[in-house]
Structures are given as structure tokens and as C-alpha cells.
Amino acid sequence: MVDIIKSQGWNWEIVSDEFADVWKNPAPESFYLLHRWKKQHKKNFLDLGCGLGRHTVLFASNGFDVSAFDISENAIERTSNWVKELGLNVNIKQGDMLNIPFDNESIDCILCMNVISHTDTNGTYKIADELKRVLKAGGECYLTLGSKETWGFKQNWPMVDANTKLRDEQGPEYMIPHFYADYDLIFKIFKDFEIVDIKHIGTYYTKDNKTYESYHWHILIKKK
């Protein structure tokens, strides 16, 4: 059996309520997906790596049957509290994305933003298998992966394998594995899917008078 590093989630315990407000705003792509999947009459939605519940709340508020899933107990608790405050009905589970606790072919659509990179190369292949298992035929998943063009991959951080580093920077992702991909590797990982769309998106920000470039792959895949 191939060894896989344990996947890890954000340390949400150290994220203050003030900073958490940023992570309660849905990603811009989620509104496109909401429209796309409604038009396709998809119903069962999985927020894989739900964090504080920003996409859980968005999709549940728009008529989807939502399941929320995260490895972090704190994230699950905060998502549960938010959902209860809004009176929404959501199936919330805690667990590891290496073994997604949902039945075979039970999910129509999945969104996982900045989630499945938090393991190593072998773990990423395992997660791809899990996505294939839980999706219905024709089901879709929108996900992001760290790019090898991003500044993080170029840092002198501890390496786990040729594609994975441990983020050696204080904060909620400290010492969490980060898997990085290039274009060719994406096709190897998702060889059993139809790749509907791939975008390479750069984000720029300034911190402590230094400008950073953060690149991610945005990938829409479909179960054949």
C-alpha cells in the first residue's frame, strides 16, 4: 500500500471573528456554478472543505440539498452555528477528504476551493478517486489546486515529495502540506474525468511592503 501523508485542514481556532468575516464571503466562481448547476437541474451539493460555511450557506439558501464537510472540528462547529442562525437545513459531517463519508454516486455537484491541496501527491490521487466514487454519472466538481508558478512553491520550505511542501509560515496553515501542480500533472490526476475547463489564475497582494504572486489552477471536471 502506498503511504499517504495525513491530510490537514486550517487551524480555524486561531482565526478571529473579525478576520473570519472575509471567509464568509462566497468566492466569485460560486455564483457562476450556482447558476450553471441550477440550469442542469442538479440538486445534491457537497461543500468539500466547507471552512466557515460560505458556500454551504449560499447553496442552501438557493434551494440545493447541501452537505457540508470539513476535517476541522472548529470549522464544523462554526458552520453549524451559522446554519442554525439562518434556519437552514444542512447535512454536516466531520472527517478526512481521503475517505469522504458519503455513499457511492450520491452527489450531483461538488465545490472545493483551496482544499484538496492540503495533502501530498499520493493523497491527491486518492482524493480524485473519492470524488469519482461519490459523484453521480454526469456529476461535476469545481476545485482549485496550487500552481507550481506560485511563490509558495518557490520557497525554501520542507519538501514532502516532488510536488508537496510544508508551509513554513506562521498562521492558520503553518506546517500544513501544500500540493502544487502543473498543467500535465492535472491531466494525470483527473484522467478518469472529462476536464471541462482549466484556468490558471493569479492573485497579487502586498504584505509588509512586499508584493506576492499567488497562482492557482481552477478546474471544472465531470464524471464520465
C-alpha atoms as a PDB file:
ATOM      1  CA  MET A   1       0.000   0.000   0.000  1.00  0.00           C
ATOM      2  CA  VAL A   2       1.337   3.450  -0.923  1.00  0.00           C
ATOM      3  CA  ASP A   3       1.964   5.727   2.048  1.00  0.00           C
ATOM      4  CA  ILE A   4      -0.055   8.941   2.105  1.00  0.00           C
ATOM      5  CA  ILE A   5       0.644  11.880   4.365  1.00  0.00           C
ATOM      6  CA  LYS A   6      -2.304  12.685   6.618  1.00  0.00           C
ATOM      7  CA  SER A   7      -4.398  15.470   5.088  1.00  0.00           C
ATOM      8  CA  GLN A   8      -4.800  18.538   7.257  1.00  0.00           C
ATOM      9  CA  GLY A   9      -7.130  21.474   7.497  1.00  0.00           C
ATOM     10  CA  TRP A  10      -6.784  25.079   8.511  1.00  0.00           C
ATOM     11  CA  ASN A  11      -6.259  25.874  12.179  1.00  0.00           C
ATOM     12  CA  TRP A  12      -9.518  27.813  12.364  1.00  0.00           C
ATOM     13  CA  GLU A  13      -9.174  28.136  16.141  1.00  0.00           C
ATOM     14  CA  ILE A  14      -6.694  30.987  15.701  1.00  0.00           C
ATOM     15  CA  VAL A  15      -8.818  32.827  13.120  1.00  0.00           C
ATOM     16  CA  SER A  16     -10.542  35.720  14.878  1.00  0.00           C
ATOM     17  CA  ASP A  17     -14.180  36.594  14.232  1.00  0.00           C
ATOM     18  CA  GLU A  18     -13.028  39.834  12.576  1.00  0.00           C
ATOM     19  CA  PHE A  19     -10.791  38.003  10.102  1.00  0.00           C
ATOM     20  CA  ALA A  20     -13.402  35.256   9.730  1.00  0.00           C
ATOM     21  CA  ASP A  21     -15.780  37.728   8.081  1.00  0.00           C
ATOM     22  CA  VAL A  22     -13.537  37.606   4.999  1.00  0.00           C
ATOM     23  CA  TRP A  23     -14.058  33.846   4.826  1.00  0.00           C
ATOM     24  CA  LYS A  24     -17.837  34.180   4.995  1.00  0.00           C
ATOM     25  CA  ASN A  25     -17.946  35.838   1.569  1.00  0.00           C
ATOM     26  CA  PRO A  26     -18.533  33.306  -1.253  1.00  0.00           C
ATOM     27  CA  ALA A  27     -15.860  33.049  -3.946  1.00  0.00           C
ATOM     28  CA  PRO A  28     -16.860  34.807  -7.200  1.00  0.00           C
ATOM     29  CA  GLU A  29     -16.833  31.482  -9.066  1.00  0.00           C
ATOM     30  CA  SER A  30     -19.526  30.079  -6.783  1.00  0.00           C
ATOM     31  CA  PHE A  31     -22.198  32.351  -8.276  1.00  0.00           C
ATOM     32  CA  TYR A  32     -21.429  31.081 -11.772  1.00  0.00           C
ATOM     33  CA  LEU A  33     -21.582  27.499 -10.506  1.00  0.00           C
ATOM     34  CA  LEU A  34     -24.851  28.168  -8.689  1.00  0.00           C
ATOM     35  CA  HIS A  35     -26.402  29.304 -11.969  1.00  0.00           C
ATOM     36  CA  ARG A  36     -24.765  26.509 -14.008  1.00  0.00           C
ATOM     37  CA  TRP A  37     -25.858  23.697 -11.712  1.00  0.00           C
ATOM     38  CA  LYS A  38     -29.373  25.050 -11.288  1.00  0.00           C
ATOM     39  CA  LYS A  39     -29.683  25.120 -15.060  1.00  0.00           C
ATOM     40  CA  GLN A  40     -28.519  21.478 -15.139  1.00  0.00           C
ATOM     41  CA  HIS A  41     -31.165  20.589 -12.516  1.00  0.00           C
ATOM     42  CA  LYS A  42     -28.535  19.382 -10.066  1.00  0.00           C
ATOM     43  CA  LYS A  43     -29.774  19.120  -6.505  1.00  0.00           C
ATOM     44  CA  ASN A  44     -27.367  17.323  -4.147  1.00  0.00           C
ATOM     45  CA  PHE A  45     -24.458  19.663  -3.436  1.00  0.00           C
ATOM     46  CA  LEU A  46     -21.322  18.874  -1.399  1.00  0.00           C
ATOM     47  CA  ASP A  47     -19.234  21.671   0.093  1.00  0.00           C
ATOM     48  CA  LEU A  48     -15.978  19.753   0.448  1.00  0.00           C
ATOM     49  CA  GLY A  49     -13.785  21.537   2.955  1.00  0.00           C
ATOM     50  CA  CYS A  50     -16.554  23.907   3.988  1.00  0.00           C
ATOM     51  CA  GLY A  51     -14.435  26.064   6.280  1.00  0.00           C
ATOM     52  CA  LEU A  52     -16.747  28.573   7.937  1.00  0.00           C
ATOM     53  CA  GLY A  53     -19.636  27.695   5.618  1.00  0.00           C
ATOM     54  CA  ARG A  54     -19.658  30.454   2.999  1.00  0.00           C
ATOM     55  CA  HIS A  55     -20.648  28.136   0.125  1.00  0.00           C
ATOM     56  CA  THR A  56     -22.774  25.917   2.336  1.00  0.00           C
ATOM     57  CA  VAL A  57     -24.979  28.901   3.166  1.00  0.00           C
ATOM     58  CA  LEU A  58     -25.027  30.196  -0.418  1.00  0.00           C
ATOM     59  CA  PHE A  59     -26.216  26.922  -1.949  1.00  0.00           C
ATOM     60  CA  ALA A  60     -28.579  26.014   0.890  1.00  0.00           C
ATOM     61  CA  SER A  61     -30.187  29.455   0.576  1.00  0.00           C
ATOM     62  CA  ASN A  62     -30.774  28.792  -3.107  1.00  0.00           C
ATOM     63  CA  GLY A  63     -32.674  25.520  -2.944  1.00  0.00           C
ATOM     64  CA  PHE A  64     -29.903  22.896  -3.050  1.00  0.00           C
ATOM     65  CA  ASP A  65     -29.813  19.878  -0.757  1.00  0.00           C
ATOM     66  CA  VAL A  66     -26.488  20.667   0.889  1.00  0.00           C
ATOM     67  CA  SER A  67     -23.937  18.517   2.673  1.00  0.00           C
ATOM     68  CA  ALA A  68     -21.022  20.294   4.370  1.00  0.00           C
ATOM     69  CA  PHE A  69     -17.813  18.504   5.220  1.00  0.00           C
ATOM     70  CA  ASP A  70     -14.536  19.531   6.865  1.00  0.00           C
ATOM     71  CA  ILE A  71     -11.699  17.970   8.837  1.00  0.00           C
ATOM     72  CA  SER A  72     -11.683  20.823  11.365  1.00  0.00           C
ATOM     73  CA  GLU A  73     -13.940  20.430  14.392  1.00  0.00           C
ATOM     74  CA  ASN A  74     -13.865  24.206  14.903  1.00  0.00           C
ATOM     75  CA  ALA A  75     -14.927  24.860  11.304  1.00  0.00           C
ATOM     76  CA  ILE A  76     -17.785  22.370  11.604  1.00  0.00           C
ATOM     77  CA  GLU A  77     -18.963  23.978  14.840  1.00  0.00           C
ATOM     78  CA  ARG A  78     -18.890  27.498  13.385  1.00  0.00           C
ATOM     79  CA  THR A  79     -20.642  26.406  10.198  1.00  0.00           C
ATOM     80  CA  SER A  80     -23.297  24.585  12.227  1.00  0.00           C
ATOM     81  CA  ASN A  81     -23.944  27.682  14.341  1.00  0.00           C
ATOM     82  CA  TRP A  82     -24.287  29.903  11.272  1.00  0.00           C
ATOM     83  CA  VAL A  83     -26.637  27.469   9.549  1.00  0.00           C
ATOM     84  CA  LYS A  84     -28.814  27.256  12.677  1.00  0.00           C
ATOM     85  CA  GLU A  85     -28.962  31.051  12.966  1.00  0.00           C
ATOM     86  CA  LEU A  86     -30.290  31.216   9.395  1.00  0.00           C
ATOM     87  CA  GLY A  87     -32.723  28.334   9.860  1.00  0.00           C
ATOM     88  CA  LEU A  88     -31.208  26.304   7.033  1.00  0.00           C
ATOM     89  CA  ASN A  89     -31.313  22.515   6.766  1.00  0.00           C
ATOM     90  CA  VAL A  90     -27.811  21.168   6.046  1.00  0.00           C
ATOM     91  CA  ASN A  91     -26.211  17.741   6.474  1.00  0.00           C
ATOM     92  CA  ILE A  92     -22.913  18.487   8.251  1.00  0.00           C
ATOM     93  CA  LYS A  93     -20.154  15.936   8.779  1.00  0.00           C
ATOM     94  CA  GLN A  94     -16.593  15.972  10.062  1.00  0.00           C
ATOM     95  CA  GLY A  95     -13.916  13.762   8.523  1.00  0.00           C
ATOM     96  CA  ASP A  96     -10.946  13.364   6.216  1.00  0.00           C
ATOM     97  CA  MET A  97     -11.256  14.031   2.483  1.00  0.00           C
ATOM     98  CA  LEU A  98      -9.113  10.952   1.847  1.00  0.00           C
ATOM     99  CA  ASN A  99     -12.217   8.979   2.825  1.00  0.00           C
ATOM    100  CA  ILE A 100     -15.268  11.102   2.038  1.00  0.00           C
ATOM    101  CA  PRO A 101     -18.142   9.796   4.252  1.00  0.00           C
ATOM    102  CA  PHE A 102     -20.861   9.761   1.584  1.00  0.00           C
ATOM    103  CA  ASP A 103     -22.394   6.943  -0.425  1.00  0.00           C
ATOM    104  CA  ASN A 104     -21.307   5.963  -3.909  1.00  0.00           C
ATOM    105  CA  GLU A 105     -22.897   8.073  -6.653  1.00  0.00           C
ATOM    106  CA  SER A 106     -24.870  10.185  -4.178  1.00  0.00           C
ATOM    107  CA  ILE A 107     -23.708  13.703  -5.104  1.00  0.00           C
ATOM    108  CA  ASP A 108     -24.632  15.849  -8.133  1.00  0.00           C
ATOM    109  CA  CYS A 109     -22.059  18.615  -7.707  1.00  0.00           C
ATOM    110  CA  ILE A 110     -19.067  19.412  -5.522  1.00  0.00           C
ATOM    111  CA  LEU A 111     -17.223  22.623  -4.762  1.00  0.00           C
ATOM    112  CA  CYS A 112     -13.813  22.506  -3.085  1.00  0.00           C
ATOM    113  CA  MET A 113     -11.943  25.798  -3.060  1.00  0.00           C
ATOM    114  CA  ASN A 114      -8.331  25.661  -1.812  1.00  0.00           C
ATOM    115  CA  VAL A 115      -8.958  22.301  -0.152  1.00  0.00           C
ATOM    116  CA  ILE A 116      -7.583  19.185  -1.813  1.00  0.00           C
ATOM    117  CA  SER A 117      -4.062  20.621  -1.975  1.00  0.00           C
ATOM    118  CA  HIS A 118      -3.683  20.002   1.756  1.00  0.00           C
ATOM    119  CA  THR A 119      -2.133  16.571   1.346  1.00  0.00           C
ATOM    120  CA  ASP A 120       0.707  15.100  -0.717  1.00  0.00           C
ATOM    121  CA  THR A 121       0.830  13.747  -4.290  1.00  0.00           C
ATOM    122  CA  ASN A 122      -0.443  10.269  -3.416  1.00  0.00           C
ATOM    123  CA  GLY A 123      -3.169  11.810  -1.288  1.00  0.00           C
ATOM    124  CA  THR A 124      -4.311  13.990  -4.179  1.00  0.00           C
ATOM    125  CA  TYR A 125      -4.698  10.917  -6.399  1.00  0.00           C
ATOM    126  CA  LYS A 126      -6.680   9.247  -3.605  1.00  0.00           C
ATOM    127  CA  ILE A 127      -8.995  12.260  -3.308  1.00  0.00           C
ATOM    128  CA  ALA A 128      -9.576  12.185  -7.078  1.00  0.00           C
ATOM    129  CA  ASP A 129     -10.724   8.577  -6.682  1.00  0.00           C
ATOM    130  CA  GLU A 130     -13.055   9.627  -3.859  1.00  0.00           C
ATOM    131  CA  LEU A 131     -14.552  12.413  -5.978  1.00  0.00           C
ATOM    132  CA  LYS A 132     -15.229   9.902  -8.724  1.00  0.00           C
ATOM    133  CA  ARG A 133     -16.809   7.484  -6.260  1.00  0.00           C
ATOM    134  CA  VAL A 134     -19.296   9.881  -4.665  1.00  0.00           C
ATOM    135  CA  LEU A 135     -20.307  11.754  -7.837  1.00  0.00           C
ATOM    136  CA  LYS A 136     -23.257  10.582  -9.893  1.00  0.00           C
ATOM    137  CA  ALA A 137     -22.705   9.947 -13.601  1.00  0.00           C
ATOM    138  CA  GLY A 138     -22.547  13.357 -15.239  1.00  0.00           C
ATOM    139  CA  GLY A 139     -21.857  14.992 -11.880  1.00  0.00           C
ATOM    140  CA  GLU A 140     -19.433  17.889 -11.760  1.00  0.00           C
ATOM    141  CA  CYS A 141     -16.761  19.148  -9.384  1.00  0.00           C
ATOM    142  CA  TYR A 142     -15.136  22.567  -9.340  1.00  0.00           C
ATOM    143  CA  LEU A 143     -11.840  22.636  -7.492  1.00  0.00           C
ATOM    144  CA  THR A 144      -8.646  24.610  -7.132  1.00  0.00           C
ATOM    145  CA  LEU A 145      -5.055  23.406  -6.915  1.00  0.00           C
ATOM    146  CA  GLY A 146      -1.925  25.330  -6.043  1.00  0.00           C
ATOM    147  CA  SER A 147       0.250  26.073  -9.064  1.00  0.00           C
ATOM    148  CA  LYS A 148       3.973  25.445  -9.327  1.00  0.00           C
ATOM    149  CA  GLU A 149       4.204  29.027 -10.598  1.00  0.00           C
ATOM    150  CA  THR A 150       3.128  30.432  -7.242  1.00  0.00           C
ATOM    151  CA  TRP A 151       5.570  31.985  -4.787  1.00  0.00           C
ATOM    152  CA  GLY A 152       4.925  29.284  -2.173  1.00  0.00           C
ATOM    153  CA  PHE A 153       6.360  26.505  -4.311  1.00  0.00           C
ATOM    154  CA  LYS A 154       9.500  28.579  -4.773  1.00  0.00           C
ATOM    155  CA  GLN A 155      10.106  28.984  -1.037  1.00  0.00           C
ATOM    156  CA  ASN A 156      12.710  27.011   0.846  1.00  0.00           C
ATOM    157  CA  TRP A 157      10.091  25.128   2.814  1.00  0.00           C
ATOM    158  CA  PRO A 158      10.396  21.457   3.874  1.00  0.00           C
ATOM    159  CA  MET A 159       9.607  19.126   0.970  1.00  0.00           C
ATOM    160  CA  VAL A 160       7.371  16.091   1.350  1.00  0.00           C
ATOM    161  CA  ASP A 161       7.674  14.938  -2.267  1.00  0.00           C
ATOM    162  CA  ALA A 162       8.431  16.474  -5.660  1.00  0.00           C
ATOM    163  CA  ASN A 163       5.099  18.323  -5.681  1.00  0.00           C
ATOM    164  CA  THR A 164       4.441  18.963  -1.984  1.00  0.00           C
ATOM    165  CA  LYS A 165       5.862  21.315   0.637  1.00  0.00           C
ATOM    166  CA  LEU A 166       5.047  22.056   4.266  1.00  0.00           C
ATOM    167  CA  ARG A 167       4.109  25.707   4.624  1.00  0.00           C
ATOM    168  CA  ASP A 168       6.735  27.094   6.986  1.00  0.00           C
ATOM    169  CA  GLU A 169       4.966  30.364   7.726  1.00  0.00           C
ATOM    170  CA  GLN A 170       3.140  31.353  10.903  1.00  0.00           C
ATOM    171  CA  GLY A 171      -0.626  31.403  10.563  1.00  0.00           C
ATOM    172  CA  PRO A 172      -3.595  29.038  10.180  1.00  0.00           C
ATOM    173  CA  GLU A 173      -1.741  26.956   7.538  1.00  0.00           C
ATOM    174  CA  TYR A 174       1.535  26.544   9.457  1.00  0.00           C
ATOM    175  CA  MET A 175       3.211  23.202   8.654  1.00  0.00           C
ATOM    176  CA  ILE A 176       0.193  22.084   6.618  1.00  0.00           C
ATOM    177  CA  PRO A 177       1.122  20.201   3.423  1.00  0.00           C
ATOM    178  CA  HIS A 178       0.578  22.085   0.165  1.00  0.00           C
ATOM    179  CA  PHE A 179       0.458  20.146  -3.083  1.00  0.00           C
ATOM    180  CA  TYR A 180       1.328  22.066  -6.262  1.00  0.00           C
ATOM    181  CA  ALA A 181       0.517  21.039  -9.834  1.00  0.00           C
ATOM    182  CA  ASP A 182       1.409  21.921 -13.389  1.00  0.00           C
ATOM    183  CA  TYR A 183      -0.760  21.526 -16.478  1.00  0.00           C
ATOM    184  CA  ASP A 184       0.397  17.996 -17.346  1.00  0.00           C
ATOM    185  CA  LEU A 185       0.005  16.707 -13.795  1.00  0.00           C
ATOM    186  CA  ILE A 186      -3.630  17.850 -13.707  1.00  0.00           C
ATOM    187  CA  PHE A 187      -4.452  15.530 -16.609  1.00  0.00           C
ATOM    188  CA  LYS A 188      -2.736  12.614 -14.878  1.00  0.00           C
ATOM    189  CA  ILE A 189      -4.626  13.116 -11.622  1.00  0.00           C
ATOM    190  CA  PHE A 190      -8.031  13.513 -13.282  1.00  0.00           C
ATOM    191  CA  LYS A 191      -7.543  11.018 -16.100  1.00  0.00           C
ATOM    192  CA  ASP A 192     -10.849   9.305 -15.279  1.00  0.00           C
ATOM    193  CA  PHE A 193     -12.845  12.531 -15.678  1.00  0.00           C
ATOM    194  CA  GLU A 194     -13.799  14.774 -18.533  1.00  0.00           C
ATOM    195  CA  ILE A 195     -11.955  18.029 -17.933  1.00  0.00           C
ATOM    196  CA  VAL A 196     -14.495  20.690 -18.859  1.00  0.00           C
ATOM    197  CA  ASP A 197     -12.370  23.752 -18.144  1.00  0.00           C
ATOM    198  CA  ILE A 198      -8.977  24.763 -16.753  1.00  0.00           C
ATOM    199  CA  LYS A 199      -7.932  28.279 -15.827  1.00  0.00           C
ATOM    200  CA  HIS A 200      -4.613  29.487 -14.390  1.00  0.00           C
ATOM    201  CA  ILE A 201      -5.445  32.472 -12.187  1.00  0.00           C
ATOM    202  CA  GLY A 202      -3.005  34.822 -10.491  1.00  0.00           C
ATOM    203  CA  THR A 203      -3.740  36.910  -7.415  1.00  0.00           C
ATOM    204  CA  TYR A 204      -1.494  39.723  -6.282  1.00  0.00           C
ATOM    205  CA  TYR A 205      -1.310  41.205  -2.796  1.00  0.00           C
ATOM    206  CA  THR A 206       1.041  43.281  -0.660  1.00  0.00           C
ATOM    207  CA  LYS A 207       2.099  42.344   2.843  1.00  0.00           C
ATOM    208  CA  ASP A 208       4.790  44.074   4.908  1.00  0.00           C
ATOM    209  CA  ASN A 209       5.710  46.228   1.885  1.00  0.00           C
ATOM    210  CA  LYS A 210       6.347  43.139  -0.222  1.00  0.00           C
ATOM    211  CA  THR A 211       4.262  42.062  -3.226  1.00  0.00           C
ATOM    212  CA  TYR A 212       3.303  38.407  -3.545  1.00  0.00           C
ATOM    213  CA  GLU A 213       2.031  36.465  -6.557  1.00  0.00           C
ATOM    214  CA  SER A 214      -0.322  33.603  -5.778  1.00  0.00           C
ATOM    215  CA  TYR A 215      -1.301  31.316  -8.664  1.00  0.00           C
ATOM    216  CA  HIS A 216      -3.964  28.628  -8.593  1.00  0.00           C
ATOM    217  CA  TRP A 217      -5.458  26.239 -11.111  1.00  0.00           C
ATOM    218  CA  HIS A 218      -9.253  26.454 -11.319  1.00  0.00           C
ATOM    219  CA  ILE A 219     -10.576  23.186 -12.723  1.00  0.00           C
ATOM    220  CA  LEU A 220     -14.057  22.001 -13.632  1.00  0.00           C
ATOM    221  CA  ILE A 221     -14.299  18.237 -14.047  1.00  0.00           C
ATOM    222  CA  LYS A 222     -17.188  15.950 -14.975  1.00  0.00           C
ATOM    223  CA  LYS A 223     -17.690  12.298 -14.174  1.00  0.00           C
ATOM    224  CA  LYS A 224     -17.945  10.322 -17.391  1.00  0.00           C
END
